[in-house]
Amino acid sequence: MPHILMIPGSLRAASSSRATARALAARLPEGTTHATADPGALPHYDADLTEDPAVSAFIEEVRKADGLVFVTPEYITACPVC
């Protein structure tokens, strides 16, 4: 059974990124499981930080997933990866 990890690009509970992730999850094929990562639980990037429990938990979530869906917000009608 495939498992998909949704990674929303916004921390707000009512964000369009999270709403999009929920809509995508509702349309996954039968038998597919999913989870939504909490990027707000991660610390700010610090190369010296190697043993943070939140980072370890996120890495484990990614490892367990068969697929990742990054849902990035749109800013001023511009796509962040265009």
N, C-alpha and C. Protein backbone atom coordinates (compact mmCIF):
# COMPACT_ATOMS: atom_id res chain seq x y z
N MET A 1 0.84 -1.17 0.00
CA MET A 1 0.00 0.00 0.00
C MET A 1 0.89 1.24 0.00
N PRO A 2 0.80 2.11 -1.01
CA PRO A 2 1.64 3.30 -1.09
C PRO A 2 1.31 4.32 0.02
N HIS A 3 2.33 5.03 0.45
CA HIS A 3 2.17 6.06 1.48
C HIS A 3 2.77 7.36 0.95
N ILE A 4 1.98 8.44 0.96
CA ILE A 4 2.37 9.74 0.44
C ILE A 4 2.53 10.72 1.59
N LEU A 5 3.62 11.48 1.57
CA LEU A 5 3.83 12.52 2.57
C LEU A 5 3.62 13.88 1.92
N MET A 6 2.65 14.63 2.43
CA MET A 6 2.37 15.99 1.96
C MET A 6 3.24 16.95 2.77
N ILE A 7 3.89 17.89 2.09
CA ILE A 7 4.71 18.88 2.77
C ILE A 7 4.23 20.26 2.35
N PRO A 8 3.37 20.87 3.18
CA PRO A 8 2.85 22.19 2.83
C PRO A 8 3.90 23.27 3.00
N GLY A 9 3.86 24.27 2.13
CA GLY A 9 4.84 25.34 2.17
C GLY A 9 4.45 26.50 3.04
N SER A 10 3.35 26.39 3.76
CA SER A 10 2.91 27.46 4.64
C SER A 10 2.61 26.89 6.01
N LEU A 11 2.85 27.69 7.03
CA LEU A 11 2.60 27.24 8.39
C LEU A 11 1.17 27.51 8.86
N ARG A 12 0.47 28.43 8.20
CA ARG A 12 -0.89 28.78 8.64
C ARG A 12 -1.85 27.61 8.46
N ALA A 13 -2.67 27.35 9.47
CA ALA A 13 -3.64 26.25 9.40
C ALA A 13 -4.64 26.46 8.27
N ALA A 14 -4.99 27.71 8.00
CA ALA A 14 -6.00 28.00 6.97
C ALA A 14 -5.37 28.40 5.63
N SER A 15 -4.12 28.06 5.42
CA SER A 15 -3.44 28.47 4.18
C SER A 15 -3.96 27.70 2.98
N SER A 16 -3.78 28.29 1.81
CA SER A 16 -4.20 27.61 0.58
C SER A 16 -3.30 26.41 0.31
N SER A 17 -2.06 26.44 0.77
CA SER A 17 -1.17 25.29 0.61
C SER A 17 -1.71 24.08 1.36
N ARG A 18 -2.12 24.29 2.59
CA ARG A 18 -2.68 23.18 3.39
C ARG A 18 -4.02 22.72 2.82
N ALA A 19 -4.83 23.66 2.34
CA ALA A 19 -6.11 23.29 1.72
C ALA A 19 -5.86 22.46 0.46
N THR A 20 -4.86 22.83 -0.31
CA THR A 20 -4.53 22.07 -1.51
C THR A 20 -4.04 20.67 -1.14
N ALA A 21 -3.21 20.58 -0.11
CA ALA A 21 -2.73 19.27 0.34
C ALA A 21 -3.90 18.39 0.79
N ARG A 22 -4.86 18.98 1.51
CA ARG A 22 -6.05 18.21 1.94
C ARG A 22 -6.87 17.75 0.74
N ALA A 23 -7.03 18.63 -0.25
CA ALA A 23 -7.79 18.27 -1.45
C ALA A 23 -7.10 17.15 -2.23
N LEU A 24 -5.79 17.24 -2.35
CA LEU A 24 -5.04 16.17 -3.03
C LEU A 24 -5.16 14.86 -2.27
N ALA A 25 -5.06 14.91 -0.96
CA ALA A 25 -5.15 13.70 -0.14
C ALA A 25 -6.52 13.04 -0.30
N ALA A 26 -7.56 13.86 -0.43
CA ALA A 26 -8.91 13.31 -0.58
C ALA A 26 -9.09 12.61 -1.92
N ARG A 27 -8.21 12.90 -2.87
CA ARG A 27 -8.33 12.32 -4.21
C ARG A 27 -7.32 11.21 -4.49
N LEU A 28 -6.60 10.79 -3.46
CA LEU A 28 -5.65 9.70 -3.66
C LEU A 28 -6.41 8.41 -3.94
N PRO A 29 -5.82 7.53 -4.72
CA PRO A 29 -6.48 6.26 -5.03
C PRO A 29 -6.74 5.45 -3.76
N GLU A 30 -7.76 4.64 -3.82
CA GLU A 30 -8.12 3.78 -2.70
C GLU A 30 -6.91 2.91 -2.32
N GLY A 31 -6.69 2.78 -1.04
CA GLY A 31 -5.57 1.98 -0.56
C GLY A 31 -4.29 2.77 -0.35
N THR A 32 -4.28 4.03 -0.77
CA THR A 32 -3.11 4.89 -0.57
C THR A 32 -3.28 5.62 0.75
N THR A 33 -2.27 5.57 1.59
CA THR A 33 -2.31 6.31 2.84
C THR A 33 -1.51 7.60 2.68
N HIS A 34 -1.74 8.53 3.58
CA HIS A 34 -1.01 9.80 3.51
C HIS A 34 -0.82 10.39 4.90
N ALA A 35 0.12 11.28 4.99
CA ALA A 35 0.36 12.07 6.19
C ALA A 35 0.77 13.46 5.74
N THR A 36 0.60 14.43 6.62
CA THR A 36 1.03 15.79 6.33
C THR A 36 2.13 16.17 7.31
N ALA A 37 3.29 16.52 6.79
CA ALA A 37 4.41 16.93 7.62
C ALA A 37 4.13 18.29 8.23
N ASP A 38 4.76 18.57 9.34
CA ASP A 38 4.63 19.87 10.01
C ASP A 38 5.94 20.63 9.90
N PRO A 39 6.12 21.43 8.84
CA PRO A 39 7.38 22.15 8.69
C PRO A 39 7.62 23.15 9.82
N GLY A 40 6.58 23.55 10.51
CA GLY A 40 6.73 24.49 11.63
C GLY A 40 7.44 23.87 12.82
N ALA A 41 7.50 22.55 12.87
CA ALA A 41 8.18 21.88 13.98
C ALA A 41 9.69 21.84 13.76
N LEU A 42 10.12 22.14 12.54
CA LEU A 42 11.56 22.10 12.25
C LEU A 42 12.25 23.39 12.69
N PRO A 43 13.48 23.28 13.18
CA PRO A 43 14.22 24.49 13.57
C PRO A 43 14.71 25.22 12.32
N HIS A 44 15.11 26.47 12.50
CA HIS A 44 15.74 27.19 11.40
C HIS A 44 17.01 26.44 11.02
N TYR A 45 17.38 26.53 9.75
CA TYR A 45 18.56 25.79 9.29
C TYR A 45 19.81 26.20 10.05
N ASP A 46 20.52 25.20 10.50
CA ASP A 46 21.79 25.40 11.18
C ASP A 46 22.64 24.17 10.91
N ALA A 47 23.71 24.30 10.14
CA ALA A 47 24.54 23.16 9.77
C ALA A 47 25.18 22.49 10.98
N ASP A 48 25.28 23.22 12.08
CA ASP A 48 25.86 22.65 13.29
C ASP A 48 24.86 21.80 14.07
N LEU A 49 23.60 21.91 13.73
CA LEU A 49 22.55 21.17 14.44
C LEU A 49 22.43 19.79 13.80
N THR A 50 22.89 18.77 14.48
CA THR A 50 22.88 17.43 13.88
C THR A 50 22.00 16.45 14.65
N GLU A 51 21.65 16.75 15.87
CA GLU A 51 20.91 15.79 16.69
C GLU A 51 19.56 16.33 17.16
N ASP A 52 18.88 17.12 16.36
CA ASP A 52 17.59 17.67 16.76
C ASP A 52 16.49 16.62 16.58
N PRO A 53 15.67 16.37 17.61
CA PRO A 53 14.63 15.35 17.50
C PRO A 53 13.59 15.65 16.41
N ALA A 54 13.27 16.92 16.21
CA ALA A 54 12.29 17.27 15.17
C ALA A 54 12.83 16.96 13.78
N VAL A 55 14.11 17.21 13.58
CA VAL A 55 14.74 16.92 12.29
C VAL A 55 14.78 15.41 12.07
N SER A 56 15.15 14.68 13.10
CA SER A 56 15.20 13.21 13.01
C SER A 56 13.82 12.64 12.68
N ALA A 57 12.78 13.18 13.31
CA ALA A 57 11.41 12.71 13.05
C ALA A 57 11.00 13.01 11.61
N PHE A 58 11.36 14.20 11.11
CA PHE A 58 11.03 14.56 9.73
C PHE A 58 11.75 13.65 8.74
N ILE A 59 13.02 13.39 8.99
CA ILE A 59 13.78 12.51 8.10
C ILE A 59 13.15 11.12 8.08
N GLU A 60 12.69 10.65 9.22
CA GLU A 60 12.06 9.33 9.28
C GLU A 60 10.73 9.33 8.51
N GLU A 61 9.97 10.44 8.61
CA GLU A 61 8.72 10.55 7.83
C GLU A 61 9.02 10.44 6.33
N VAL A 62 10.06 11.14 5.89
CA VAL A 62 10.43 11.13 4.47
C VAL A 62 10.88 9.72 4.06
N ARG A 63 11.65 9.06 4.90
CA ARG A 63 12.12 7.71 4.59
C ARG A 63 10.98 6.72 4.42
N LYS A 64 9.94 6.86 5.25
CA LYS A 64 8.82 5.92 5.23
C LYS A 64 7.89 6.15 4.03
N ALA A 65 7.96 7.33 3.44
CA ALA A 65 7.05 7.68 2.34
C ALA A 65 7.49 7.05 1.02
N ASP A 66 6.50 6.63 0.24
CA ASP A 66 6.76 6.15 -1.11
C ASP A 66 6.80 7.31 -2.10
N GLY A 67 6.22 8.43 -1.70
CA GLY A 67 6.19 9.61 -2.55
C GLY A 67 6.04 10.86 -1.71
N LEU A 68 6.55 11.98 -2.21
CA LEU A 68 6.46 13.27 -1.53
C LEU A 68 5.70 14.25 -2.42
N VAL A 69 4.84 15.06 -1.81
CA VAL A 69 4.15 16.12 -2.53
C VAL A 69 4.47 17.43 -1.81
N PHE A 70 5.23 18.30 -2.48
CA PHE A 70 5.53 19.62 -1.94
C PHE A 70 4.46 20.58 -2.47
N VAL A 71 3.76 21.24 -1.57
CA VAL A 71 2.72 22.19 -1.97
C VAL A 71 3.23 23.58 -1.61
N THR A 72 3.73 24.30 -2.62
CA THR A 72 4.34 25.60 -2.36
C THR A 72 3.35 26.73 -2.65
N PRO A 73 3.40 27.78 -1.84
CA PRO A 73 2.49 28.91 -2.05
C PRO A 73 2.91 29.74 -3.27
N GLU A 74 1.96 30.47 -3.78
CA GLU A 74 2.21 31.38 -4.90
C GLU A 74 2.30 32.78 -4.32
N TYR A 75 3.31 33.54 -4.70
CA TYR A 75 3.48 34.89 -4.21
C TYR A 75 3.40 35.88 -5.36
N ILE A 76 2.47 36.81 -5.25
CA ILE A 76 2.30 37.87 -6.24
C ILE A 76 2.25 37.27 -7.66
N THR A 77 1.43 36.28 -7.83
CA THR A 77 1.19 35.55 -9.08
C THR A 77 2.46 34.91 -9.65
N ALA A 78 3.49 34.72 -8.83
CA ALA A 78 4.72 34.09 -9.31
C ALA A 78 4.90 32.75 -8.63
N CYS A 79 5.23 31.76 -9.42
CA CYS A 79 5.48 30.42 -8.90
C CYS A 79 6.91 30.40 -8.34
N PRO A 80 7.13 29.90 -7.11
CA PRO A 80 8.46 29.93 -6.53
C PRO A 80 9.52 29.10 -7.25
N VAL A 81 9.12 28.18 -8.09
CA VAL A 81 10.12 27.35 -8.78
C VAL A 81 10.10 27.55 -10.30
N CYS A 82 9.46 28.61 -10.76
CA CYS A 82 9.39 28.86 -12.21
C CYS A 82 10.67 29.41 -12.75
